[in-house]
């Protein structure tokens, strides 16, 4: 993550980004909603325009590629502001960066440590995407830091994007440097693209496989336009789709730095990695009735008017987003 140093003691890493993401960004979603809708609509139209038309008049596009491009566009607007979200070179780097990290990290598992830096440099094209992001973000973050005490703020600074929220969250000795802010944002960005894009694609496929849910979801949209908290049928459908199509079979990987004992006596030796069996939990009949069956309204009441458990909720039976106070 561009030289980011992470302490083994989590408290030493600071919590500014947790507050900015978990509290401030969520509370500002209503403010961001118009620009997010505009970004998604523009990106979707561009994807449709770039598709090919078959003999029946249908436009053919690659679903995952489309989802990634739309998510990158929308998330860039929320993370970095509209200026960078409309910069095609920046968006290309923002899309390439998490892909570089994933491919490089998997390749390095099979490479001797003496060759690691050369292999990583080759796979990432000498860190081209990461360097582009750092070069574009650093001056913007520096400018935001220098102007954070201004009484009147205009332009992108006036919108509560993630950069501004992190800047606003720090004060005094607790204030991060521009370098640290950029490093942390890159770390967060890495986790913000593929999981969401995969969830979108699987939801589209599930909607095609279960067309009986189209009508109630559409009616809900018409009735509660702009009120995302009222879209309980859509929320339940998305959660059920993600439950049966997680992005990985395991999650929440943790490495024991010292010997560790669980409360039931299970011993984890130092240097061992433990994880949660995500896929098994999400299909566990002990947690879900008829667990292998797709039920789009599983997480709301029968009339689809009240949410039982939201898609964004993190809980032991649904650890898709992690568990505990550090889950997002």
C-alpha atoms as a PDB file:
ATOM      1  CA  UNK A   1       0.000   0.000   0.000  1.00  0.00           C
ATOM      2  CA  UNK A   2       2.658   2.481  -1.079  1.00  0.00           C
ATOM      3  CA  UNK A   3       4.830   2.022   1.999  1.00  0.00           C
ATOM      4  CA  UNK A   4       2.022   1.976   4.574  1.00  0.00           C
ATOM      5  CA  UNK A   5       3.312   0.632   7.897  1.00  0.00           C
ATOM      6  CA  UNK A   6       0.753  -1.274   9.930  1.00  0.00           C
ATOM      7  CA  UNK A   7       1.358  -1.829  13.639  1.00  0.00           C
ATOM      8  CA  UNK A   8       0.623  -5.220  15.147  1.00  0.00           C
ATOM      9  CA  UNK A   9      -1.150  -3.361  17.952  1.00  0.00           C
ATOM     10  CA  UNK A  10      -4.315  -2.151  16.205  1.00  0.00           C
ATOM     11  CA  UNK A  11      -4.810   0.876  18.449  1.00  0.00           C
ATOM     12  CA  UNK A  12      -1.455   2.249  17.314  1.00  0.00           C
ATOM     13  CA  UNK A  13      -2.736   2.528  13.738  1.00  0.00           C
ATOM     14  CA  UNK A  14      -5.278   5.197  14.656  1.00  0.00           C
ATOM     15  CA  UNK A  15      -9.013   5.190  14.095  1.00  0.00           C
ATOM     16  CA  UNK A  16      -9.625   8.308  12.007  1.00  0.00           C
ATOM     17  CA  UNK A  17     -10.545   6.273   8.933  1.00  0.00           C
ATOM     18  CA  UNK A  18     -12.913   4.057  10.943  1.00  0.00           C
ATOM     19  CA  UNK A  19     -14.867   7.107  12.092  1.00  0.00           C
ATOM     20  CA  UNK A  20     -14.808   8.691   8.645  1.00  0.00           C
ATOM     21  CA  UNK A  21     -16.063   5.518   6.952  1.00  0.00           C
ATOM     22  CA  UNK A  22     -18.262   3.943   9.586  1.00  0.00           C
ATOM     23  CA  UNK A  23     -19.966   7.064  10.909  1.00  0.00           C
ATOM     24  CA  UNK A  24     -19.421  10.233   8.886  1.00  0.00           C
ATOM     25  CA  UNK A  25     -19.655   8.831   5.355  1.00  0.00           C
ATOM     26  CA  UNK A  26     -22.795   6.870   6.216  1.00  0.00           C
ATOM     27  CA  UNK A  27     -24.442   9.933   7.733  1.00  0.00           C
ATOM     28  CA  UNK A  28     -23.658  11.936   4.574  1.00  0.00           C
ATOM     29  CA  UNK A  29     -25.003   9.423   2.052  1.00  0.00           C
ATOM     30  CA  UNK A  30     -28.192  11.450   1.553  1.00  0.00           C
ATOM     31  CA  UNK A  31     -26.067  14.480   0.642  1.00  0.00           C
ATOM     32  CA  UNK A  32     -23.950  12.398  -1.727  1.00  0.00           C
ATOM     33  CA  UNK A  33     -26.904  10.579  -3.287  1.00  0.00           C
ATOM     34  CA  UNK A  34     -27.555  12.993  -6.205  1.00  0.00           C
ATOM     35  CA  UNK A  35     -23.941  12.915  -7.412  1.00  0.00           C
ATOM     36  CA  UNK A  36     -23.756   9.144  -6.915  1.00  0.00           C
ATOM     37  CA  UNK A  37     -26.932   8.650  -8.957  1.00  0.00           C
ATOM     38  CA  UNK A  38     -25.542  10.890 -11.690  1.00  0.00           C
ATOM     39  CA  UNK A  39     -22.232   9.008 -11.720  1.00  0.00           C
ATOM     40  CA  UNK A  40     -23.950   5.609 -11.900  1.00  0.00           C
ATOM     41  CA  UNK A  41     -26.362   6.729 -14.640  1.00  0.00           C
ATOM     42  CA  UNK A  42     -23.579   8.233 -16.774  1.00  0.00           C
ATOM     43  CA  UNK A  43     -21.382   5.161 -16.349  1.00  0.00           C
ATOM     44  CA  UNK A  44     -24.239   2.768 -17.131  1.00  0.00           C
ATOM     45  CA  UNK A  45     -25.124   4.691 -20.298  1.00  0.00           C
ATOM     46  CA  UNK A  46     -21.468   4.585 -21.383  1.00  0.00           C
ATOM     47  CA  UNK A  47     -21.332   0.824 -20.821  1.00  0.00           C
ATOM     48  CA  UNK A  48     -24.501   0.247 -22.865  1.00  0.00           C
ATOM     49  CA  UNK A  49     -23.163   2.475 -25.647  1.00  0.00           C
ATOM     50  CA  UNK A  50     -19.938   0.472 -25.788  1.00  0.00           C
ATOM     51  CA  UNK A  51     -21.719  -2.882 -26.137  1.00  0.00           C
ATOM     52  CA  UNK A  52     -22.391  -4.814 -29.301  1.00  0.00           C
ATOM     53  CA  UNK A  53     -25.886  -5.295 -30.743  1.00  0.00           C
ATOM     54  CA  UNK A  54     -26.864  -8.848 -31.700  1.00  0.00           C
ATOM     55  CA  UNK A  55     -29.214  -9.929 -34.481  1.00  0.00           C
ATOM     56  CA  UNK A  56     -32.242  -9.630 -32.183  1.00  0.00           C
ATOM     57  CA  UNK A  57     -31.442  -6.052 -31.223  1.00  0.00           C
ATOM     58  CA  UNK A  58     -30.145  -6.830 -27.729  1.00  0.00           C
ATOM     59  CA  UNK A  59     -27.014  -5.074 -26.493  1.00  0.00           C
ATOM     60  CA  UNK A  60     -24.364  -7.528 -25.289  1.00  0.00           C
ATOM     61  CA  UNK A  61     -21.978  -6.406 -22.537  1.00  0.00           C
ATOM     62  CA  UNK A  62     -19.680  -8.178 -20.091  1.00  0.00           C
ATOM     63  CA  UNK A  63     -21.494  -8.064 -16.755  1.00  0.00           C
ATOM     64  CA  UNK A  64     -18.495  -8.094 -14.406  1.00  0.00           C
ATOM     65  CA  UNK A  65     -16.570  -5.533 -16.452  1.00  0.00           C
ATOM     66  CA  UNK A  66     -19.642  -3.299 -16.509  1.00  0.00           C
ATOM     67  CA  UNK A  67     -20.156  -3.661 -12.749  1.00  0.00           C
ATOM     68  CA  UNK A  68     -16.507  -2.869 -11.978  1.00  0.00           C
ATOM     69  CA  UNK A  69     -16.538   0.252 -14.144  1.00  0.00           C
ATOM     70  CA  UNK A  70     -19.760   1.519 -12.578  1.00  0.00           C
ATOM     71  CA  UNK A  71     -18.582   0.807  -9.032  1.00  0.00           C
ATOM     72  CA  UNK A  72     -15.230   2.500  -9.671  1.00  0.00           C
ATOM     73  CA  UNK A  73     -17.001   5.577 -11.033  1.00  0.00           C
ATOM     74  CA  UNK A  74     -19.488   5.787  -8.152  1.00  0.00           C
ATOM     75  CA  UNK A  75     -16.977   5.015  -5.408  1.00  0.00           C
ATOM     76  CA  UNK A  76     -14.504   7.515  -6.848  1.00  0.00           C
ATOM     77  CA  UNK A  77     -17.175  10.188  -6.565  1.00  0.00           C
ATOM     78  CA  UNK A  78     -17.767   9.312  -2.894  1.00  0.00           C
ATOM     79  CA  UNK A  79     -14.086   8.820  -2.043  1.00  0.00           C
ATOM     80  CA  UNK A  80     -12.294  11.492  -4.064  1.00  0.00           C
ATOM     81  CA  UNK A  81     -14.850  14.006  -5.337  1.00  0.00           C
ATOM     82  CA  UNK A  82     -16.332  14.681  -8.756  1.00  0.00           C
ATOM     83  CA  UNK A  83     -13.143  16.153 -10.269  1.00  0.00           C
ATOM     84  CA  UNK A  84     -11.153  12.909 -10.013  1.00  0.00           C
ATOM     85  CA  UNK A  85     -14.270  10.820 -10.696  1.00  0.00           C
ATOM     86  CA  UNK A  86     -14.394  12.445 -14.138  1.00  0.00           C
ATOM     87  CA  UNK A  87     -10.676  11.924 -14.843  1.00  0.00           C
ATOM     88  CA  UNK A  88     -10.430   8.908 -17.165  1.00  0.00           C
ATOM     89  CA  UNK A  89      -6.716   8.308 -16.479  1.00  0.00           C
ATOM     90  CA  UNK A  90      -7.376   8.322 -12.745  1.00  0.00           C
ATOM     91  CA  UNK A  91     -10.329   5.943 -13.099  1.00  0.00           C
ATOM     92  CA  UNK A  92      -8.226   3.535 -15.178  1.00  0.00           C
ATOM     93  CA  UNK A  93      -5.593   3.499 -12.423  1.00  0.00           C
ATOM     94  CA  UNK A  94      -8.268   3.138  -9.733  1.00  0.00           C
ATOM     95  CA  UNK A  95      -9.627   0.060 -11.518  1.00  0.00           C
ATOM     96  CA  UNK A  96      -6.193  -1.427 -12.220  1.00  0.00           C
ATOM     97  CA  UNK A  97      -4.782  -0.938  -8.714  1.00  0.00           C
ATOM     98  CA  UNK A  98      -6.859  -3.542  -6.778  1.00  0.00           C
ATOM     99  CA  UNK A  99      -6.436  -6.003  -9.646  1.00  0.00           C
ATOM    100  CA  UNK A 100      -2.649  -5.546  -9.497  1.00  0.00           C
ATOM    101  CA  UNK A 101      -2.649  -6.120  -5.748  1.00  0.00           C
ATOM    102  CA  UNK A 102      -4.692  -9.322  -5.993  1.00  0.00           C
ATOM    103  CA  UNK A 103      -2.657 -10.831  -8.839  1.00  0.00           C
ATOM    104  CA  UNK A 104       0.681  -9.860  -7.297  1.00  0.00           C
ATOM    105  CA  UNK A 105      -0.216 -11.136  -3.829  1.00  0.00           C
ATOM    106  CA  UNK A 106      -1.284 -14.522  -5.194  1.00  0.00           C
ATOM    107  CA  UNK A 107       1.819 -14.827  -7.378  1.00  0.00           C
ATOM    108  CA  UNK A 108       4.164 -13.930  -4.524  1.00  0.00           C
ATOM    109  CA  UNK A 109       2.896 -16.881  -2.498  1.00  0.00           C
ATOM    110  CA  UNK A 110       4.832 -19.148  -4.879  1.00  0.00           C
ATOM    111  CA  UNK A 111       7.929 -17.007  -5.388  1.00  0.00           C
ATOM    112  CA  UNK A 112      11.136 -17.116  -3.287  1.00  0.00           C
ATOM    113  CA  UNK A 113      11.474 -13.978  -1.154  1.00  0.00           C
ATOM    114  CA  UNK A 114      14.686 -13.017  -2.941  1.00  0.00           C
ATOM    115  CA  UNK A 115      12.685 -12.589  -6.186  1.00  0.00           C
ATOM    116  CA  UNK A 116       9.564 -11.033  -4.654  1.00  0.00           C
ATOM    117  CA  UNK A 117      10.312  -7.382  -5.422  1.00  0.00           C
ATOM    118  CA  UNK A 118      11.221  -8.088  -9.055  1.00  0.00           C
ATOM    119  CA  UNK A 119       8.137 -10.235  -9.642  1.00  0.00           C
ATOM    120  CA  UNK A 120       5.847  -7.669  -8.001  1.00  0.00           C
ATOM    121  CA  UNK A 121       7.398  -4.891 -10.083  1.00  0.00           C
ATOM    122  CA  UNK A 122       6.845  -6.881 -13.282  1.00  0.00           C
ATOM    123  CA  UNK A 123       3.214  -7.790 -12.509  1.00  0.00           C
ATOM    124  CA  UNK A 124       2.267  -4.240 -11.519  1.00  0.00           C
ATOM    125  CA  UNK A 125       4.305  -2.632 -14.315  1.00  0.00           C
ATOM    126  CA  UNK A 126       6.542  -1.003 -11.712  1.00  0.00           C
ATOM    127  CA  UNK A 127       3.532   0.040  -9.665  1.00  0.00           C
ATOM    128  CA  UNK A 128       2.134   2.188 -12.458  1.00  0.00           C
ATOM    129  CA  UNK A 129      -1.455   2.265 -11.188  1.00  0.00           C
ATOM    130  CA  UNK A 130      -0.475   2.883  -7.564  1.00  0.00           C
ATOM    131  CA  UNK A 131       1.943   5.632  -8.595  1.00  0.00           C
ATOM    132  CA  UNK A 132      -0.756   7.347 -10.648  1.00  0.00           C
ATOM    133  CA  UNK A 133      -3.162   7.312  -7.708  1.00  0.00           C
ATOM    134  CA  UNK A 134      -0.543   8.648  -5.320  1.00  0.00           C
ATOM    135  CA  UNK A 135       0.536  11.398  -7.728  1.00  0.00           C
ATOM    136  CA  UNK A 136      -3.042  12.585  -8.239  1.00  0.00           C
ATOM    137  CA  UNK A 137      -4.208  12.241  -4.630  1.00  0.00           C
ATOM    138  CA  UNK A 138      -1.257  13.683  -2.697  1.00  0.00           C
ATOM    139  CA  UNK A 139      -1.538  17.325  -3.881  1.00  0.00           C
ATOM    140  CA  UNK A 140      -5.310  17.265  -3.362  1.00  0.00           C
ATOM    141  CA  UNK A 141      -4.968  15.934   0.181  1.00  0.00           C
ATOM    142  CA  UNK A 142      -2.217  18.474   0.951  1.00  0.00           C
ATOM    143  CA  UNK A 143      -4.467  21.261  -0.311  1.00  0.00           C
ATOM    144  CA  UNK A 144      -7.386  20.018   1.803  1.00  0.00           C
ATOM    145  CA  UNK A 145      -5.146  19.880   4.883  1.00  0.00           C
ATOM    146  CA  UNK A 146      -3.841  23.396   4.293  1.00  0.00           C
ATOM    147  CA  UNK A 147      -7.361  24.765   3.905  1.00  0.00           C
ATOM    148  CA  UNK A 148      -9.160  22.788   6.585  1.00  0.00           C
ATOM    149  CA  UNK A 149      -9.574  25.830   8.860  1.00  0.00           C
ATOM    150  CA  UNK A 150     -11.104  28.036   6.162  1.00  0.00           C
ATOM    151  CA  UNK A 151     -14.475  29.477   7.074  1.00  0.00           C
ATOM    152  CA  UNK A 152     -15.840  29.225   3.538  1.00  0.00           C
ATOM    153  CA  UNK A 153     -15.220  26.053   1.552  1.00  0.00           C
ATOM    154  CA  UNK A 154     -16.265  25.637  -2.069  1.00  0.00           C
ATOM    155  CA  UNK A 155     -16.000  23.095  -4.881  1.00  0.00           C
ATOM    156  CA  UNK A 156     -15.218  19.460  -4.100  1.00  0.00           C
ATOM    157  CA  UNK A 157     -14.169  20.497  -0.571  1.00  0.00           C
ATOM    158  CA  UNK A 158     -17.781  21.418   0.161  1.00  0.00           C
ATOM    159  CA  UNK A 159     -18.937  17.857  -0.533  1.00  0.00           C
ATOM    160  CA  UNK A 160     -18.403  15.234   2.157  1.00  0.00           C
ATOM    161  CA  UNK A 161     -16.155  12.868   0.160  1.00  0.00           C
ATOM    162  CA  UNK A 162     -13.904  10.487   2.061  1.00  0.00           C
ATOM    163  CA  UNK A 163     -10.821  12.679   1.704  1.00  0.00           C
ATOM    164  CA  UNK A 164     -12.592  15.617   3.310  1.00  0.00           C
ATOM    165  CA  UNK A 165     -14.143  13.471   6.039  1.00  0.00           C
ATOM    166  CA  UNK A 166     -10.731  12.084   7.051  1.00  0.00           C
ATOM    167  CA  UNK A 167      -9.280  15.597   7.060  1.00  0.00           C
ATOM    168  CA  UNK A 168     -12.188  16.842   9.179  1.00  0.00           C
ATOM    169  CA  UNK A 169     -11.850  13.910  11.599  1.00  0.00           C
ATOM    170  CA  UNK A 170      -8.265  14.707  12.613  1.00  0.00           C
ATOM    171  CA  UNK A 171      -7.052  17.470  14.889  1.00  0.00           C
ATOM    172  CA  UNK A 172      -3.821  18.524  16.581  1.00  0.00           C
ATOM    173  CA  UNK A 173      -1.364  15.717  17.189  1.00  0.00           C
ATOM    174  CA  UNK A 174      -4.039  13.285  16.007  1.00  0.00           C
ATOM    175  CA  UNK A 175      -3.927  14.738  12.485  1.00  0.00           C
ATOM    176  CA  UNK A 176      -2.473  12.435   9.849  1.00  0.00           C
ATOM    177  CA  UNK A 177      -0.010  13.585   7.217  1.00  0.00           C
ATOM    178  CA  UNK A 178      -1.025  13.665   3.560  1.00  0.00           C
ATOM    179  CA  UNK A 179       1.160  10.607   2.954  1.00  0.00           C
ATOM    180  CA  UNK A 180      -0.604   8.605   5.675  1.00  0.00           C
ATOM    181  CA  UNK A 181      -4.059   9.662   4.465  1.00  0.00           C
ATOM    182  CA  UNK A 182      -3.273   8.605   0.893  1.00  0.00           C
ATOM    183  CA  UNK A 183      -1.845   5.282   2.080  1.00  0.00           C
ATOM    184  CA  UNK A 184      -4.919   4.493   4.171  1.00  0.00           C
ATOM    185  CA  UNK A 185      -7.287   5.511   1.372  1.00  0.00           C
ATOM    186  CA  UNK A 186      -5.476   3.149  -1.000  1.00  0.00           C
ATOM    187  CA  UNK A 187      -5.921   0.359   1.543  1.00  0.00           C
ATOM    188  CA  UNK A 188      -9.638   1.085   1.861  1.00  0.00           C
ATOM    189  CA  UNK A 189     -10.020   1.459  -1.907  1.00  0.00           C
ATOM    190  CA  UNK A 190      -8.566  -1.996  -2.455  1.00  0.00           C
ATOM    191  CA  UNK A 191     -11.496  -3.473  -0.506  1.00  0.00           C
ATOM    192  CA  UNK A 192     -14.178  -1.286  -2.082  1.00  0.00           C
ATOM    193  CA  UNK A 193     -14.349  -2.514  -5.671  1.00  0.00           C
ATOM    194  CA  UNK A 194     -14.400  -6.260  -6.295  1.00  0.00           C
ATOM    195  CA  UNK A 195     -16.694  -7.409  -3.464  1.00  0.00           C
ATOM    196  CA  UNK A 196     -19.302  -4.815  -4.394  1.00  0.00           C
ATOM    197  CA  UNK A 197     -18.986  -5.485  -8.129  1.00  0.00           C
ATOM    198  CA  UNK A 198     -19.373  -9.230  -7.617  1.00  0.00           C
ATOM    199  CA  UNK A 199     -22.441  -8.676  -5.436  1.00  0.00           C
ATOM    200  CA  UNK A 200     -23.997  -6.533  -8.180  1.00  0.00           C
ATOM    201  CA  UNK A 201     -23.331  -9.136 -10.882  1.00  0.00           C
ATOM    202  CA  UNK A 202     -24.694 -12.045  -8.845  1.00  0.00           C
ATOM    203  CA  UNK A 203     -27.766  -9.981  -7.946  1.00  0.00           C
ATOM    204  CA  UNK A 204     -28.432  -9.295 -11.649  1.00  0.00           C
ATOM    205  CA  UNK A 205     -28.044 -12.985 -12.483  1.00  0.00           C
ATOM    206  CA  UNK A 206     -30.316 -13.976  -9.585  1.00  0.00           C
ATOM    207  CA  UNK A 207     -32.918 -11.456 -10.710  1.00  0.00           C
ATOM    208  CA  UNK A 208     -32.894 -13.099 -14.151  1.00  0.00           C
ATOM    209  CA  UNK A 209     -33.185 -16.549 -12.558  1.00  0.00           C
ATOM    210  CA  UNK A 210     -36.005 -15.451 -10.228  1.00  0.00           C
ATOM    211  CA  UNK A 211     -38.084 -12.918 -12.209  1.00  0.00           C
ATOM    212  CA  UNK A 212     -40.935 -13.108  -9.669  1.00  0.00           C
ATOM    213  CA  UNK A 213     -39.016 -10.553  -7.583  1.00  0.00           C
ATOM    214  CA  UNK A 214     -38.873  -7.921 -10.331  1.00  0.00           C
ATOM    215  CA  UNK A 215     -42.390  -6.601  -9.703  1.00  0.00           C
ATOM    216  CA  UNK A 216     -42.184  -6.115  -5.901  1.00  0.00           C
ATOM    217  CA  UNK A 217     -38.744  -4.514  -6.147  1.00  0.00           C
ATOM    218  CA  UNK A 218     -39.900  -2.183  -8.949  1.00  0.00           C
ATOM    219  CA  UNK A 219     -43.075  -1.227  -7.033  1.00  0.00           C
ATOM    220  CA  UNK A 220     -40.968  -0.507  -3.964  1.00  0.00           C
ATOM    221  CA  UNK A 221     -38.698   1.774  -6.007  1.00  0.00           C
ATOM    222  CA  UNK A 222     -41.662   3.710  -7.367  1.00  0.00           C
ATOM    223  CA  UNK A 223     -43.261   4.060  -3.934  1.00  0.00           C
ATOM    224  CA  UNK A 224     -40.116   5.065  -2.044  1.00  0.00           C
ATOM    225  CA  UNK A 225     -38.076   6.919  -4.680  1.00  0.00           C
ATOM    226  CA  UNK A 226     -34.942   8.351  -3.062  1.00  0.00           C
ATOM    227  CA  UNK A 227     -35.629   6.759   0.342  1.00  0.00           C
ATOM    228  CA  UNK A 228     -33.020   4.003   0.462  1.00  0.00           C
ATOM    229  CA  UNK A 229     -33.908   2.928   4.000  1.00  0.00           C
ATOM    230  CA  UNK A 230     -37.408   2.017   2.797  1.00  0.00           C
ATOM    231  CA  UNK A 231     -36.220  -0.385   0.067  1.00  0.00           C
ATOM    232  CA  UNK A 232     -36.559  -3.465   2.266  1.00  0.00           C
ATOM    233  CA  UNK A 233     -37.375  -5.941  -0.540  1.00  0.00           C
ATOM    234  CA  UNK A 234     -34.315  -4.851  -2.539  1.00  0.00           C
ATOM    235  CA  UNK A 235     -32.119  -5.007   0.554  1.00  0.00           C
ATOM    236  CA  UNK A 236     -33.333  -8.520   1.368  1.00  0.00           C
ATOM    237  CA  UNK A 237     -32.848  -9.661  -2.240  1.00  0.00           C
ATOM    238  CA  UNK A 238     -29.269  -8.335  -2.310  1.00  0.00           C
ATOM    239  CA  UNK A 239     -28.440 -10.001   0.996  1.00  0.00           C
ATOM    240  CA  UNK A 240     -29.876 -13.354  -0.102  1.00  0.00           C
ATOM    241  CA  UNK A 241     -27.940 -13.158  -3.377  1.00  0.00           C
ATOM    242  CA  UNK A 242     -24.707 -12.408  -1.508  1.00  0.00           C
ATOM    243  CA  UNK A 243     -25.433 -15.204   0.995  1.00  0.00           C
ATOM    244  CA  UNK A 244     -25.506 -17.818  -1.741  1.00  0.00           C
ATOM    245  CA  UNK A 245     -22.708 -16.226  -3.798  1.00  0.00           C
ATOM    246  CA  UNK A 246     -19.946 -15.019  -1.456  1.00  0.00           C
ATOM    247  CA  UNK A 247     -16.767 -13.739  -3.082  1.00  0.00           C
ATOM    248  CA  UNK A 248     -14.655 -16.285  -1.180  1.00  0.00           C
ATOM    249  CA  UNK A 249     -15.196 -19.527   0.709  1.00  0.00           C
ATOM    250  CA  UNK A 250     -13.258 -18.225   3.726  1.00  0.00           C
ATOM    251  CA  UNK A 251     -12.997 -14.807   5.340  1.00  0.00           C
ATOM    252  CA  UNK A 252     -11.555 -12.815   8.245  1.00  0.00           C
ATOM    253  CA  UNK A 253      -8.059 -14.243   7.982  1.00  0.00           C
ATOM    254  CA  UNK A 254      -5.962 -13.562  11.081  1.00  0.00           C
ATOM    255  CA  UNK A 255      -2.357 -14.468  11.830  1.00  0.00           C
ATOM    256  CA  UNK A 256      -1.429 -15.340  15.415  1.00  0.00           C
ATOM    257  CA  UNK A 257       1.629 -13.265  16.336  1.00  0.00           C
ATOM    258  CA  UNK A 258       1.882 -15.064  19.686  1.00  0.00           C
ATOM    259  CA  UNK A 259       0.385 -18.368  20.895  1.00  0.00           C
ATOM    260  CA  UNK A 260      -3.346 -17.866  21.357  1.00  0.00           C
ATOM    261  CA  UNK A 261      -6.026 -19.832  23.218  1.00  0.00           C
ATOM    262  CA  UNK A 262      -9.725 -19.561  22.483  1.00  0.00           C
ATOM    263  CA  UNK A 263     -12.186 -19.657  25.372  1.00  0.00           C
ATOM    264  CA  UNK A 264     -12.964 -23.324  24.631  1.00  0.00           C
ATOM    265  CA  UNK A 265      -9.278 -24.240  24.901  1.00  0.00           C
ATOM    266  CA  UNK A 266      -8.436 -24.481  21.192  1.00  0.00           C
ATOM    267  CA  UNK A 267      -4.762 -23.559  20.770  1.00  0.00           C
ATOM    268  CA  UNK A 268      -3.399 -21.546  17.847  1.00  0.00           C
ATOM    269  CA  UNK A 269       0.430 -21.618  17.677  1.00  0.00           C
ATOM    270  CA  UNK A 270       2.273 -18.433  16.763  1.00  0.00           C
ATOM    271  CA  UNK A 271       2.660 -17.720  13.025  1.00  0.00           C
ATOM    272  CA  UNK A 272      -0.434 -19.782  12.157  1.00  0.00           C
ATOM    273  CA  UNK A 273      -3.315 -18.289  10.181  1.00  0.00           C
ATOM    274  CA  UNK A 274      -6.930 -18.855  11.178  1.00  0.00           C
ATOM    275  CA  UNK A 275     -10.070 -17.830   9.316  1.00  0.00           C
ATOM    276  CA  UNK A 276     -13.848 -18.097   9.246  1.00  0.00           C
ATOM    277  CA  UNK A 277     -15.514 -20.651   6.907  1.00  0.00           C
ATOM    278  CA  UNK A 278     -17.680 -18.019   5.231  1.00  0.00           C
ATOM    279  CA  UNK A 279     -19.414 -20.139   2.605  1.00  0.00           C
ATOM    280  CA  UNK A 280     -20.241 -22.914   5.079  1.00  0.00           C
ATOM    281  CA  UNK A 281     -21.710 -20.455   7.584  1.00  0.00           C
ATOM    282  CA  UNK A 282     -23.853 -18.763   4.958  1.00  0.00           C
ATOM    283  CA  UNK A 283     -25.329 -22.122   3.929  1.00  0.00           C
ATOM    284  CA  UNK A 284     -25.637 -23.575   7.442  1.00  0.00           C
ATOM    285  CA  UNK A 285     -29.152 -24.976   8.079  1.00  0.00           C
ATOM    286  CA  UNK A 286     -28.611 -24.097  11.734  1.00  0.00           C
ATOM    287  CA  UNK A 287     -28.664 -20.431  10.743  1.00  0.00           C
ATOM    288  CA  UNK A 288     -30.988 -20.466   7.730  1.00  0.00           C
ATOM    289  CA  UNK A 289     -34.151 -22.470   7.103  1.00  0.00           C
ATOM    290  CA  UNK A 290     -33.941 -24.332   3.790  1.00  0.00           C
ATOM    291  CA  UNK A 291     -30.461 -22.849   3.431  1.00  0.00           C
ATOM    292  CA  UNK A 292     -29.795 -24.027  -0.143  1.00  0.00           C
ATOM    293  CA  UNK A 293     -32.998 -22.444  -1.438  1.00  0.00           C
ATOM    294  CA  UNK A 294     -33.031 -18.887  -2.795  1.00  0.00           C
ATOM    295  CA  UNK A 295     -35.589 -16.794  -0.902  1.00  0.00           C
ATOM    296  CA  UNK A 296     -35.363 -13.173  -1.984  1.00  0.00           C
ATOM    297  CA  UNK A 297     -37.534 -11.988   0.903  1.00  0.00           C
ATOM    298  CA  UNK A 298     -35.795 -14.079   3.561  1.00  0.00           C
ATOM    299  CA  UNK A 299     -34.543 -11.011   5.426  1.00  0.00           C
ATOM    300  CA  UNK A 300     -37.799  -9.053   5.603  1.00  0.00           C
ATOM    301  CA  UNK A 301     -41.292  -9.854   6.795  1.00  0.00           C
ATOM    302  CA  UNK A 302     -43.803 -11.541   4.527  1.00  0.00           C
ATOM    303  CA  UNK A 303     -45.290  -8.310   3.221  1.00  0.00           C
ATOM    304  CA  UNK A 304     -41.818  -6.867   2.495  1.00  0.00           C
ATOM    305  CA  UNK A 305     -42.466  -3.798   4.648  1.00  0.00           C
ATOM    306  CA  UNK A 306     -40.059  -4.374   7.536  1.00  0.00           C
ATOM    307  CA  UNK A 307     -36.397  -5.392   7.504  1.00  0.00           C
ATOM    308  CA  UNK A 308     -35.405  -8.299   9.741  1.00  0.00           C
ATOM    309  CA  UNK A 309     -31.688  -8.039   9.026  1.00  0.00           C
ATOM    310  CA  UNK A 310     -30.065  -5.506   6.682  1.00  0.00           C
ATOM    311  CA  UNK A 311     -27.558  -6.391   3.964  1.00  0.00           C
ATOM    312  CA  UNK A 312     -24.965  -4.178   5.633  1.00  0.00           C
ATOM    313  CA  UNK A 313     -25.399  -5.795   9.054  1.00  0.00           C
ATOM    314  CA  UNK A 314     -22.415  -7.790  10.282  1.00  0.00           C
ATOM    315  CA  UNK A 315     -23.329 -10.723  12.506  1.00  0.00           C
ATOM    316  CA  UNK A 316     -22.001 -14.233  13.301  1.00  0.00           C
ATOM    317  CA  UNK A 317     -24.445 -15.822  10.863  1.00  0.00           C
ATOM    318  CA  UNK A 318     -23.535 -13.322   8.124  1.00  0.00           C
ATOM    319  CA  UNK A 319     -19.828 -12.399   8.384  1.00  0.00           C
ATOM    320  CA  UNK A 320     -19.569 -11.193   4.774  1.00  0.00           C
ATOM    321  CA  UNK A 321     -18.288  -7.766   5.874  1.00  0.00           C
ATOM    322  CA  UNK A 322     -16.178  -9.064   8.760  1.00  0.00           C
ATOM    323  CA  UNK A 323     -17.077  -9.245  12.433  1.00  0.00           C
ATOM    324  CA  UNK A 324     -16.747  -7.039  15.479  1.00  0.00           C
ATOM    325  CA  UNK A 325     -16.004  -3.359  15.799  1.00  0.00           C
ATOM    326  CA  UNK A 326     -13.607  -3.325  12.827  1.00  0.00           C
ATOM    327  CA  UNK A 327     -16.132  -4.587  10.305  1.00  0.00           C
ATOM    328  CA  UNK A 328     -17.415  -2.028   7.777  1.00  0.00           C
END
